[in-house]
Protein backbone atom coordinates (compact mmCIF):
# COMPACT_ATOMS: atom_id res chain seq x y z
CA MET A 1 28.29 32.62 86.86
CA GLY A 2 30.97 35.22 87.34
CA ASP A 3 30.84 38.95 86.78
CA ILE A 4 29.97 38.79 83.07
CA ALA A 5 26.64 37.03 83.61
CA ASN A 6 25.78 39.54 86.30
CA ASP A 7 26.34 42.58 84.00
CA PRO A 8 23.35 44.91 84.35
CA LYS A 9 23.17 45.48 80.53
CA LEU A 10 23.03 41.73 79.87
CA GLN A 11 20.47 41.27 82.58
CA GLU A 12 18.29 44.03 81.01
CA TYR A 13 18.70 42.44 77.56
CA LEU A 14 17.60 39.01 78.90
CA LYS A 15 14.87 40.31 81.30
CA ASP A 16 11.94 39.18 79.20
CA LEU A 17 13.23 35.56 78.76
CA PRO A 18 11.90 32.88 81.08
CA ASP A 19 14.17 31.52 83.82
CA GLU A 20 14.58 28.32 81.87
CA LEU A 21 14.57 28.39 78.09
CA MET A 22 15.34 26.35 75.03
CA VAL A 23 18.51 26.91 73.00
CA TYR A 24 19.61 25.36 69.81
CA ARG A 25 23.07 24.44 68.43
CA TYR A 26 24.55 22.82 65.34
CA GLY A 27 27.82 20.97 65.88
CA LYS A 28 29.62 19.54 68.86
CA LEU A 29 29.78 21.27 72.21
CA ASN A 30 33.13 22.72 73.18
CA ASP A 31 34.26 20.15 75.73
CA GLU A 32 37.71 21.83 76.11
CA THR A 33 36.48 25.07 77.66
CA GLY A 34 32.92 24.20 78.50
CA VAL A 35 31.71 27.40 76.65
CA SER A 36 29.69 27.12 73.51
CA SER A 37 27.45 29.32 71.39
CA PHE A 38 23.70 28.69 70.90
CA THR A 39 20.87 30.42 69.10
CA LEU A 40 17.47 31.30 70.62
CA ASN A 41 15.98 30.99 67.17
CA PRO A 42 14.66 27.44 66.43
CA ASN A 43 14.34 28.51 62.74
CA TYR A 44 17.87 29.73 62.33
CA SER A 45 19.03 28.68 58.79
CA VAL A 46 22.11 26.47 58.96
CA ASP A 47 21.99 26.27 55.17
CA SER A 48 22.69 29.90 54.62
CA ASN A 49 24.55 30.83 57.82
CA LEU A 50 26.66 27.81 58.81
CA PRO A 51 27.38 26.01 55.52
CA TRP A 52 30.24 24.02 57.05
CA GLN A 53 27.84 22.46 59.48
CA LYS A 54 25.64 21.42 56.61
CA ARG A 55 28.67 19.83 55.00
CA LEU A 56 29.35 18.10 58.24
CA GLN A 57 25.74 17.02 58.41
CA SER A 58 25.47 18.22 61.95
CA PRO A 59 21.96 17.97 63.22
CA MET A 60 20.31 20.73 65.26
CA GLN A 61 20.42 19.97 68.96
CA THR A 62 18.01 21.37 71.53
CA PHE A 63 18.98 22.15 75.13
CA LYS A 64 16.98 23.41 78.07
CA VAL A 65 19.14 25.85 79.97
CA LYS A 66 18.87 28.29 82.87
CA LYS A 67 18.89 32.00 81.89
CA GLU A 68 21.51 32.61 84.65
CA ASP A 69 23.94 30.33 82.70
CA ILE A 70 24.04 32.78 79.77
CA LEU A 71 27.39 34.55 79.86
CA VAL A 72 26.90 37.08 77.04
CA SER A 73 25.00 37.66 73.85
CA PRO A 74 26.87 39.14 70.76
CA ASP A 75 23.45 40.63 69.78
CA ILE A 76 23.58 42.91 72.84
CA ASN A 77 25.27 45.63 70.72
CA SER A 78 22.29 46.12 68.47
CA PHE A 79 20.01 46.36 71.62
CA PHE A 80 21.95 49.05 73.36
CA GLY A 81 24.32 50.82 70.91
CA GLY A 82 22.39 50.62 67.69
CA GLY A 83 24.99 48.29 66.36
CA ARG A 84 24.59 45.64 63.74
CA GLY A 85 21.70 43.23 64.35
CA PHE A 86 21.89 39.54 63.64
CA ASP A 87 19.15 37.01 62.97
CA GLU A 88 20.77 34.39 65.00
CA GLN A 89 19.85 35.58 68.47
CA GLU A 90 23.15 34.15 69.69
CA VAL A 91 24.01 33.48 73.30
CA ILE A 92 27.22 32.14 74.83
CA ILE A 93 26.69 29.57 77.64
CA SER A 94 28.89 27.89 80.00
């Protein structure tokens, strides 16, 4: 899926993941652009991290996706550059 998904650093970051994996999301998918964020963490706390979704009473949804559909991960900075780490294990998928 484009040059971003083929980035060598992204591929290194994702190398230990299976070719198909489960991802999790609270809230509606972005139908306008087809690009949405997900977490790899099934225990991600919507209560403390996404309080607006709790107010909206958005249930957690589970999706099975192909690793090759992951465009980027905001967490990649902590993996390569010693940047801030997040507990979300967020990935952006198209």
